[in-house]
Amino acid sequence: MDETPEQEARRLRLERQCADLGTVIGSCMPEGVGFAFVMFDFGGEGNMAYLSSGAREDLIKMLAELHEKLIRSRQ
């Protein structure tokens, strides 16, 4: 799906803001502790940006564990 110039600008702005906030968060994290950060804007054509201080595989594992905990908490 192609983006309009306006959609691309919004996505790139969100990605820049995510990276900027990730730098701040990373500078505050204790040694040996990772983080994942997700930002999104609202609406039908909303964008999402995320970053993690860990490896992609570790982030995927963490998200799967979080998903399981959220599902269990709803039961």
N, C-alpha and C. Protein backbone atom coordinates (compact mmCIF):
# COMPACT_ATOMS: atom_id res chain seq x y z
N MET A 1 0.85 -1.17 0.00
CA MET A 1 0.00 0.00 0.00
C MET A 1 0.90 1.24 0.00
N ASP A 2 0.68 2.12 -0.95
CA ASP A 2 1.48 3.33 -1.06
C ASP A 2 0.98 4.39 -0.10
N GLU A 3 1.92 5.16 0.43
CA GLU A 3 1.59 6.27 1.33
C GLU A 3 1.46 7.55 0.51
N THR A 4 0.56 8.39 0.97
CA THR A 4 0.54 9.74 0.41
C THR A 4 1.70 10.51 1.03
N PRO A 5 2.10 11.63 0.45
CA PRO A 5 3.16 12.43 1.07
C PRO A 5 2.81 12.84 2.51
N GLU A 6 1.54 13.12 2.77
CA GLU A 6 1.13 13.51 4.13
C GLU A 6 1.26 12.35 5.10
N GLN A 7 0.86 11.15 4.66
CA GLN A 7 0.98 9.96 5.50
C GLN A 7 2.44 9.65 5.79
N GLU A 8 3.28 9.77 4.77
CA GLU A 8 4.70 9.52 4.97
C GLU A 8 5.29 10.51 5.96
N ALA A 9 4.91 11.78 5.84
CA ALA A 9 5.42 12.81 6.75
C ALA A 9 5.01 12.51 8.19
N ARG A 10 3.74 12.10 8.38
CA ARG A 10 3.28 11.77 9.74
C ARG A 10 4.03 10.57 10.30
N ARG A 11 4.22 9.54 9.45
CA ARG A 11 4.94 8.35 9.89
C ARG A 11 6.38 8.67 10.26
N LEU A 12 7.06 9.43 9.41
CA LEU A 12 8.46 9.78 9.67
C LEU A 12 8.59 10.64 10.92
N ARG A 13 7.63 11.54 11.14
CA ARG A 13 7.66 12.37 12.36
C ARG A 13 7.50 11.49 13.59
N LEU A 14 6.57 10.55 13.54
CA LEU A 14 6.37 9.63 14.67
C LEU A 14 7.61 8.79 14.91
N GLU A 15 8.24 8.30 13.85
CA GLU A 15 9.46 7.51 14.01
C GLU A 15 10.60 8.33 14.62
N ARG A 16 10.72 9.59 14.22
CA ARG A 16 11.74 10.47 14.81
C ARG A 16 11.47 10.71 16.29
N GLN A 17 10.20 10.99 16.61
CA GLN A 17 9.84 11.22 18.01
C GLN A 17 10.09 9.98 18.85
N CYS A 18 9.79 8.82 18.31
CA CYS A 18 10.03 7.56 19.01
C CYS A 18 11.53 7.39 19.28
N ALA A 19 12.34 7.64 18.26
CA ALA A 19 13.79 7.51 18.43
C ALA A 19 14.31 8.50 19.46
N ASP A 20 13.80 9.74 19.44
CA ASP A 20 14.23 10.74 20.42
C ASP A 20 13.88 10.32 21.83
N LEU A 21 12.65 9.86 22.03
CA LEU A 21 12.24 9.42 23.36
C LEU A 21 13.00 8.17 23.78
N GLY A 22 13.29 7.30 22.83
CA GLY A 22 14.08 6.11 23.14
C GLY A 22 15.46 6.44 23.65
N THR A 23 16.06 7.49 23.10
CA THR A 23 17.38 7.93 23.58
C THR A 23 17.29 8.38 25.04
N VAL A 24 16.24 9.12 25.36
CA VAL A 24 16.05 9.59 26.74
C VAL A 24 15.80 8.41 27.67
N ILE A 25 14.89 7.52 27.27
CA ILE A 25 14.58 6.36 28.10
C ILE A 25 15.84 5.52 28.31
N GLY A 26 16.57 5.26 27.25
CA GLY A 26 17.78 4.45 27.34
C GLY A 26 18.81 5.03 28.29
N SER A 27 18.90 6.36 28.31
CA SER A 27 19.89 6.99 29.20
C SER A 27 19.50 6.88 30.67
N CYS A 28 18.25 6.57 30.94
CA CYS A 28 17.76 6.46 32.33
C CYS A 28 17.69 5.02 32.82
N MET A 29 17.91 4.06 31.95
CA MET A 29 17.75 2.66 32.32
C MET A 29 18.96 2.16 33.11
N PRO A 30 18.69 1.34 34.13
CA PRO A 30 19.79 0.74 34.88
C PRO A 30 20.57 -0.24 33.99
N GLU A 31 21.81 -0.45 34.34
CA GLU A 31 22.66 -1.40 33.62
C GLU A 31 22.02 -2.78 33.62
N GLY A 32 22.00 -3.43 32.49
CA GLY A 32 21.50 -4.79 32.39
C GLY A 32 19.99 -4.91 32.27
N VAL A 33 19.29 -3.79 32.11
CA VAL A 33 17.83 -3.80 31.98
C VAL A 33 17.47 -3.26 30.60
N GLY A 34 16.65 -4.01 29.88
CA GLY A 34 16.24 -3.58 28.56
C GLY A 34 14.88 -2.91 28.58
N PHE A 35 14.51 -2.34 27.45
CA PHE A 35 13.19 -1.75 27.34
C PHE A 35 12.67 -1.87 25.92
N ALA A 36 11.35 -1.79 25.82
CA ALA A 36 10.66 -1.70 24.54
C ALA A 36 9.71 -0.53 24.64
N PHE A 37 9.59 0.22 23.58
CA PHE A 37 8.77 1.43 23.59
C PHE A 37 7.96 1.45 22.31
N VAL A 38 6.65 1.69 22.44
CA VAL A 38 5.75 1.74 21.29
C VAL A 38 4.99 3.06 21.33
N MET A 39 4.92 3.71 20.18
CA MET A 39 4.11 4.92 20.02
C MET A 39 3.16 4.69 18.85
N PHE A 40 1.98 5.27 18.93
CA PHE A 40 1.05 5.20 17.81
C PHE A 40 0.16 6.42 17.82
N ASP A 41 -0.31 6.79 16.63
CA ASP A 41 -1.29 7.86 16.59
C ASP A 41 -2.66 7.23 16.33
N PHE A 42 -3.70 7.95 16.68
CA PHE A 42 -5.05 7.43 16.61
C PHE A 42 -5.63 7.64 15.22
N GLY A 43 -6.63 6.87 14.90
CA GLY A 43 -7.35 7.05 13.65
C GLY A 43 -7.22 5.84 12.75
N GLY A 44 -8.06 5.81 11.74
CA GLY A 44 -8.10 4.70 10.81
C GLY A 44 -6.81 4.51 10.05
N GLU A 45 -6.08 5.58 9.82
CA GLU A 45 -4.81 5.51 9.11
C GLU A 45 -3.65 5.73 10.06
N GLY A 46 -3.83 5.32 11.30
CA GLY A 46 -2.81 5.55 12.32
C GLY A 46 -1.50 4.86 11.99
N ASN A 47 -0.45 5.41 12.53
CA ASN A 47 0.89 4.87 12.38
C ASN A 47 1.37 4.32 13.70
N MET A 48 2.37 3.46 13.63
CA MET A 48 2.99 2.92 14.82
C MET A 48 4.50 2.96 14.64
N ALA A 49 5.19 3.27 15.71
CA ALA A 49 6.65 3.22 15.72
C ALA A 49 7.05 2.53 17.02
N TYR A 50 8.10 1.74 16.95
CA TYR A 50 8.57 1.07 18.16
C TYR A 50 10.08 0.96 18.11
N LEU A 51 10.65 0.76 19.27
CA LEU A 51 12.07 0.47 19.36
C LEU A 51 12.31 -0.35 20.60
N SER A 52 13.45 -1.00 20.61
CA SER A 52 13.82 -1.84 21.73
C SER A 52 15.33 -1.76 21.91
N SER A 53 15.75 -1.85 23.14
CA SER A 53 17.19 -1.86 23.42
C SER A 53 17.76 -3.26 23.28
N GLY A 54 16.90 -4.24 23.06
CA GLY A 54 17.35 -5.62 22.94
C GLY A 54 17.31 -6.10 21.50
N ALA A 55 17.71 -7.32 21.33
CA ALA A 55 17.68 -7.96 20.01
C ALA A 55 16.23 -8.24 19.62
N ARG A 56 15.98 -8.27 18.33
CA ARG A 56 14.63 -8.51 17.82
C ARG A 56 14.04 -9.80 18.38
N GLU A 57 14.82 -10.85 18.43
CA GLU A 57 14.33 -12.14 18.94
C GLU A 57 13.91 -12.03 20.40
N ASP A 58 14.67 -11.26 21.19
CA ASP A 58 14.33 -11.07 22.60
C ASP A 58 13.04 -10.27 22.74
N LEU A 59 12.87 -9.27 21.88
CA LEU A 59 11.65 -8.47 21.91
C LEU A 59 10.44 -9.33 21.56
N ILE A 60 10.57 -10.16 20.55
CA ILE A 60 9.47 -11.03 20.15
C ILE A 60 9.10 -11.97 21.30
N LYS A 61 10.10 -12.55 21.96
CA LYS A 61 9.85 -13.43 23.10
C LYS A 61 9.15 -12.67 24.23
N MET A 62 9.62 -11.47 24.53
CA MET A 62 9.02 -10.67 25.59
C MET A 62 7.57 -10.33 25.25
N LEU A 63 7.30 -9.97 23.99
CA LEU A 63 5.93 -9.63 23.61
C LEU A 63 5.01 -10.84 23.69
N ALA A 64 5.51 -12.02 23.34
CA ALA A 64 4.71 -13.24 23.46
C ALA A 64 4.38 -13.50 24.93
N GLU A 65 5.36 -13.31 25.82
CA GLU A 65 5.11 -13.50 27.25
C GLU A 65 4.12 -12.47 27.77
N LEU A 66 4.25 -11.23 27.33
CA LEU A 66 3.31 -10.18 27.73
C LEU A 66 1.90 -10.51 27.25
N HIS A 67 1.79 -10.96 26.03
CA HIS A 67 0.50 -11.35 25.47
C HIS A 67 -0.16 -12.43 26.33
N GLU A 68 0.60 -13.45 26.69
CA GLU A 68 0.06 -14.51 27.54
C GLU A 68 -0.41 -13.97 28.89
N LYS A 69 0.37 -13.09 29.50
CA LYS A 69 -0.03 -12.52 30.78
C LYS A 69 -1.29 -11.69 30.66
N LEU A 70 -1.41 -10.93 29.58
CA LEU A 70 -2.61 -10.11 29.37
C LEU A 70 -3.83 -10.98 29.15
N ILE A 71 -3.67 -12.06 28.39
CA ILE A 71 -4.78 -12.97 28.15
C ILE A 71 -5.22 -13.63 29.46
N ARG A 72 -4.24 -14.11 30.24
CA ARG A 72 -4.57 -14.75 31.52
C ARG A 72 -5.27 -13.77 32.47
N SER A 73 -4.87 -12.51 32.45
CA SER A 73 -5.46 -11.54 33.37
C SER A 73 -6.90 -11.21 33.01
N ARG A 74 -7.33 -11.51 31.79
CA ARG A 74 -8.71 -11.26 31.37
C ARG A 74 -9.64 -12.39 31.75
N GLN A 75 -9.08 -13.54 32.13
CA GLN A 75 -9.91 -14.71 32.42
C GLN A 75 -10.36 -14.74 33.85
